[in-house]
Amino acid sequence: MSEYYRDTEHLYEIYNYFLGRVLTDEKIGAKMARAGIIIKFIYTDPDGEVTIDLKNPPTKPGYFGDFYLGPCDKKEDVWSKQSADHSHRFWHGMENPIVAITKGKVKQGGNVTAMMRLLPVVRPAFELFPVCLVEMGQGELALKKV
């Protein structure tokens, strides 16, 4: 049972809002787009998939990339599998991705190096994620750093 998400629909609701903000952000989204890759995140508990397309031209005005909630036909260059709760803590800046991989909390495949190069780029999103939760009326899910 997830600590933060009621179900997959709840997970998608939060990531829809968050990724919309990230991929329209002049600093974060624009830099992410330079990666030129498609990333698939596979979540467990609740089960879900989120795919971020930074390879093809965005389909929405003002966006630096597209994202898809749920299975989609985009062929990823890199994939990452983890619990939804782990991802939630990651977007708060509370999980070290390298440690998580070595401890088996996160499994990855494909062009992992390209995704790792995105880490410094997405760091500003660690401050944005809790702000998004509060804006959505889900402030109780925002984690406090100890």
C-alpha atoms as a PDB file:
ATOM      1  CA  MET A   1       0.000   0.000   0.000  1.00  0.00           C
ATOM      2  CA  SER A   2       1.308   3.404  -1.008  1.00  0.00           C
ATOM      3  CA  GLU A   3       2.095   5.936   1.662  1.00  0.00           C
ATOM      4  CA  TYR A   4       1.252   8.887  -0.611  1.00  0.00           C
ATOM      5  CA  TYR A   5      -1.093   7.764  -3.403  1.00  0.00           C
ATOM      6  CA  ARG A   6      -4.635   6.407  -3.081  1.00  0.00           C
ATOM      7  CA  ASP A   7      -4.496   4.736  -6.498  1.00  0.00           C
ATOM      8  CA  THR A   8      -3.074   5.084 -10.008  1.00  0.00           C
ATOM      9  CA  GLU A   9      -5.544   7.833 -10.884  1.00  0.00           C
ATOM     10  CA  HIS A  10      -4.290   9.884  -7.922  1.00  0.00           C
ATOM     11  CA  LEU A  11      -0.674   9.321  -9.025  1.00  0.00           C
ATOM     12  CA  TYR A  12      -1.537  10.495 -12.554  1.00  0.00           C
ATOM     13  CA  GLU A  13      -3.415  13.535 -11.250  1.00  0.00           C
ATOM     14  CA  ILE A  14      -0.341  14.724  -9.366  1.00  0.00           C
ATOM     15  CA  TYR A  15       2.171  13.944 -12.120  1.00  0.00           C
ATOM     16  CA  ASN A  16      -0.046  15.570 -14.749  1.00  0.00           C
ATOM     17  CA  TYR A  17       0.042  18.848 -12.841  1.00  0.00           C
ATOM     18  CA  PHE A  18       3.713  18.594 -11.873  1.00  0.00           C
ATOM     19  CA  LEU A  19       5.035  17.626 -15.309  1.00  0.00           C
ATOM     20  CA  GLY A  20       2.909  20.315 -16.910  1.00  0.00           C
ATOM     21  CA  ARG A  21       4.700  22.847 -14.732  1.00  0.00           C
ATOM     22  CA  VAL A  22       8.168  21.320 -15.270  1.00  0.00           C
ATOM     23  CA  LEU A  23       7.902  21.025 -19.045  1.00  0.00           C
ATOM     24  CA  THR A  24       6.691  24.616 -19.440  1.00  0.00           C
ATOM     25  CA  ASP A  25       9.355  26.040 -17.142  1.00  0.00           C
ATOM     26  CA  GLU A  26      11.826  28.212 -19.067  1.00  0.00           C
ATOM     27  CA  LYS A  27      14.798  26.944 -17.071  1.00  0.00           C
ATOM     28  CA  ILE A  28      13.992  23.328 -16.203  1.00  0.00           C
ATOM     29  CA  GLY A  29      11.970  22.314 -19.267  1.00  0.00           C
ATOM     30  CA  ALA A  30      14.234  24.034 -21.774  1.00  0.00           C
ATOM     31  CA  LYS A  31      17.327  22.331 -20.345  1.00  0.00           C
ATOM     32  CA  MET A  32      15.577  18.945 -20.139  1.00  0.00           C
ATOM     33  CA  ALA A  33      14.647  19.191 -23.823  1.00  0.00           C
ATOM     34  CA  ARG A  34      18.339  19.270 -24.768  1.00  0.00           C
ATOM     35  CA  ALA A  35      18.665  15.657 -23.557  1.00  0.00           C
ATOM     36  CA  GLY A  36      16.909  14.470 -26.725  1.00  0.00           C
ATOM     37  CA  ILE A  37      15.661  11.208 -25.172  1.00  0.00           C
ATOM     38  CA  ILE A  38      12.430   9.455 -24.295  1.00  0.00           C
ATOM     39  CA  ILE A  39      12.227   8.314 -20.663  1.00  0.00           C
ATOM     40  CA  LYS A  40       9.717   5.827 -19.297  1.00  0.00           C
ATOM     41  CA  PHE A  41       9.073   5.647 -15.573  1.00  0.00           C
ATOM     42  CA  ILE A  42       7.414   2.433 -14.437  1.00  0.00           C
ATOM     43  CA  TYR A  43       5.819   2.728 -11.017  1.00  0.00           C
ATOM     44  CA  THR A  44       4.678   0.114  -8.553  1.00  0.00           C
ATOM     45  CA  ASP A  45       2.235   0.478  -5.677  1.00  0.00           C
ATOM     46  CA  PRO A  46       0.229   1.904  -7.305  1.00  0.00           C
ATOM     47  CA  ASP A  47       1.144   0.567 -10.724  1.00  0.00           C
ATOM     48  CA  GLY A  48       1.507   3.118 -13.491  1.00  0.00           C
ATOM     49  CA  GLU A  49       3.680   4.451 -16.277  1.00  0.00           C
ATOM     50  CA  VAL A  50       4.778   7.961 -17.136  1.00  0.00           C
ATOM     51  CA  THR A  51       6.668   8.611 -20.364  1.00  0.00           C
ATOM     52  CA  ILE A  52       8.470  11.883 -21.051  1.00  0.00           C
ATOM     53  CA  ASP A  53       9.321  12.609 -24.693  1.00  0.00           C
ATOM     54  CA  LEU A  54      12.239  15.008 -24.967  1.00  0.00           C
ATOM     55  CA  LYS A  55      13.208  13.678 -28.401  1.00  0.00           C
ATOM     56  CA  ASN A  56      10.346  14.754 -30.677  1.00  0.00           C
ATOM     57  CA  PRO A  57       8.984  18.271 -31.132  1.00  0.00           C
ATOM     58  CA  PRO A  58       6.388  19.050 -28.435  1.00  0.00           C
ATOM     59  CA  THR A  59       2.762  18.886 -29.538  1.00  0.00           C
ATOM     60  CA  LYS A  60       1.511  21.601 -27.142  1.00  0.00           C
ATOM     61  CA  PRO A  61       2.457  25.281 -27.430  1.00  0.00           C
ATOM     62  CA  GLY A  62       4.659  26.510 -24.597  1.00  0.00           C
ATOM     63  CA  TYR A  63       5.925  23.013 -23.729  1.00  0.00           C
ATOM     64  CA  PHE A  64       9.527  21.855 -24.087  1.00  0.00           C
ATOM     65  CA  GLY A  65       8.519  18.181 -24.241  1.00  0.00           C
ATOM     66  CA  ASP A  66       5.490  15.926 -24.099  1.00  0.00           C
ATOM     67  CA  PHE A  67       4.471  13.481 -21.405  1.00  0.00           C
ATOM     68  CA  TYR A  68       2.075  10.574 -21.353  1.00  0.00           C
ATOM     69  CA  LEU A  69       0.311   9.110 -18.344  1.00  0.00           C
ATOM     70  CA  GLY A  70      -0.262   5.374 -18.690  1.00  0.00           C
ATOM     71  CA  PRO A  71       1.054   3.012 -21.341  1.00  0.00           C
ATOM     72  CA  CYS A  72       1.856   4.670 -24.661  1.00  0.00           C
ATOM     73  CA  ASP A  73       3.391   3.659 -27.973  1.00  0.00           C
ATOM     74  CA  LYS A  74       6.537   5.810 -27.620  1.00  0.00           C
ATOM     75  CA  LYS A  75       9.686   3.669 -27.619  1.00  0.00           C
ATOM     76  CA  GLU A  76      11.815   4.768 -24.688  1.00  0.00           C
ATOM     77  CA  ASP A  77      15.575   5.285 -24.829  1.00  0.00           C
ATOM     78  CA  VAL A  78      15.840   4.698 -21.099  1.00  0.00           C
ATOM     79  CA  TRP A  79      13.502   3.283 -18.458  1.00  0.00           C
ATOM     80  CA  SER A  80      13.400   3.413 -14.696  1.00  0.00           C
ATOM     81  CA  LYS A  81      11.303   1.172 -12.441  1.00  0.00           C
ATOM     82  CA  GLN A  82      10.619   2.119  -8.840  1.00  0.00           C
ATOM     83  CA  SER A  83       7.856   2.394  -6.288  1.00  0.00           C
ATOM     84  CA  ALA A  84       5.629   5.451  -6.606  1.00  0.00           C
ATOM     85  CA  ASP A  85       6.552   6.334  -3.022  1.00  0.00           C
ATOM     86  CA  HIS A  86      10.265   6.307  -3.892  1.00  0.00           C
ATOM     87  CA  SER A  87       9.565   8.670  -6.784  1.00  0.00           C
ATOM     88  CA  HIS A  88       7.565  10.931  -4.477  1.00  0.00           C
ATOM     89  CA  ARG A  89      10.529  11.204  -2.105  1.00  0.00           C
ATOM     90  CA  PHE A  90      12.930  11.672  -5.061  1.00  0.00           C
ATOM     91  CA  TRP A  91      10.971  14.703  -6.300  1.00  0.00           C
ATOM     92  CA  HIS A  92      11.354  16.194  -2.843  1.00  0.00           C
ATOM     93  CA  GLY A  93      15.154  15.782  -3.139  1.00  0.00           C
ATOM     94  CA  MET A  94      15.175  13.089  -0.447  1.00  0.00           C
ATOM     95  CA  GLU A  95      16.429  10.108  -2.445  1.00  0.00           C
ATOM     96  CA  ASN A  96      19.885   9.667  -3.914  1.00  0.00           C
ATOM     97  CA  PRO A  97      19.370   7.965  -7.298  1.00  0.00           C
ATOM     98  CA  ILE A  98      22.830   6.365  -7.393  1.00  0.00           C
ATOM     99  CA  VAL A  99      22.383   4.828  -3.937  1.00  0.00           C
ATOM    100  CA  ALA A 100      18.854   3.699  -4.869  1.00  0.00           C
ATOM    101  CA  ILE A 101      20.167   1.878  -7.947  1.00  0.00           C
ATOM    102  CA  THR A 102      22.992   0.181  -6.050  1.00  0.00           C
ATOM    103  CA  LYS A 103      20.561  -0.926  -3.308  1.00  0.00           C
ATOM    104  CA  GLY A 104      18.076  -2.256  -5.861  1.00  0.00           C
ATOM    105  CA  LYS A 105      15.305   0.244  -5.018  1.00  0.00           C
ATOM    106  CA  VAL A 106      15.431   1.472  -8.628  1.00  0.00           C
ATOM    107  CA  LYS A 107      16.019  -0.626 -11.709  1.00  0.00           C
ATOM    108  CA  GLN A 108      17.056   1.008 -14.976  1.00  0.00           C
ATOM    109  CA  GLY A 109      17.797   0.068 -18.534  1.00  0.00           C
ATOM    110  CA  GLY A 110      18.697   1.640 -21.846  1.00  0.00           C
ATOM    111  CA  ASN A 111      20.713   4.837 -22.097  1.00  0.00           C
ATOM    112  CA  VAL A 112      21.086   5.323 -18.340  1.00  0.00           C
ATOM    113  CA  THR A 113      24.013   7.726 -18.801  1.00  0.00           C
ATOM    114  CA  ALA A 114      21.784  10.190 -20.670  1.00  0.00           C
ATOM    115  CA  MET A 115      19.234  10.090 -17.870  1.00  0.00           C
ATOM    116  CA  MET A 116      21.908  10.560 -15.202  1.00  0.00           C
ATOM    117  CA  ARG A 117      23.066  13.683 -17.037  1.00  0.00           C
ATOM    118  CA  LEU A 118      19.580  15.088 -16.413  1.00  0.00           C
ATOM    119  CA  LEU A 119      19.978  14.988 -12.625  1.00  0.00           C
ATOM    120  CA  PRO A 120      21.557  18.446 -12.253  1.00  0.00           C
ATOM    121  CA  VAL A 121      18.975  19.837 -14.692  1.00  0.00           C
ATOM    122  CA  VAL A 122      15.963  18.579 -12.703  1.00  0.00           C
ATOM    123  CA  ARG A 123      17.309  19.593  -9.285  1.00  0.00           C
ATOM    124  CA  PRO A 124      15.282  22.868  -9.306  1.00  0.00           C
ATOM    125  CA  ALA A 125      12.146  20.705  -9.670  1.00  0.00           C
ATOM    126  CA  PHE A 126      12.791  19.410  -6.130  1.00  0.00           C
ATOM    127  CA  GLU A 127      11.567  22.791  -4.868  1.00  0.00           C
ATOM    128  CA  LEU A 128       8.712  22.890  -7.382  1.00  0.00           C
ATOM    129  CA  PHE A 129       7.180  19.502  -6.513  1.00  0.00           C
ATOM    130  CA  PRO A 130       5.983  20.417  -2.983  1.00  0.00           C
ATOM    131  CA  VAL A 131       4.757  23.785  -4.302  1.00  0.00           C
ATOM    132  CA  CYS A 132       2.673  21.936  -6.900  1.00  0.00           C
ATOM    133  CA  LEU A 133       1.203  19.702  -4.206  1.00  0.00           C
ATOM    134  CA  VAL A 134       0.133  22.733  -2.176  1.00  0.00           C
ATOM    135  CA  GLU A 135      -1.311  24.434  -5.279  1.00  0.00           C
ATOM    136  CA  MET A 136      -3.350  21.297  -5.964  1.00  0.00           C
ATOM    137  CA  GLY A 137      -4.753  21.273  -2.441  1.00  0.00           C
ATOM    138  CA  GLN A 138      -2.619  18.216  -1.604  1.00  0.00           C
ATOM    139  CA  GLY A 139      -0.255  20.002   0.769  1.00  0.00           C
ATOM    140  CA  GLU A 140      -0.468  17.147   3.266  1.00  0.00           C
ATOM    141  CA  LEU A 141       1.635  15.132   0.781  1.00  0.00           C
ATOM    142  CA  ALA A 142       4.463  17.697   0.789  1.00  0.00           C
ATOM    143  CA  LEU A 143       7.349  16.268   2.781  1.00  0.00           C
ATOM    144  CA  LYS A 144       9.367  18.262   5.268  1.00  0.00           C
ATOM    145  CA  LYS A 145      13.120  17.884   5.206  1.00  0.00           C
ATOM    146  CA  VAL A 146      14.519  16.934   8.591  1.00  0.00           C
END
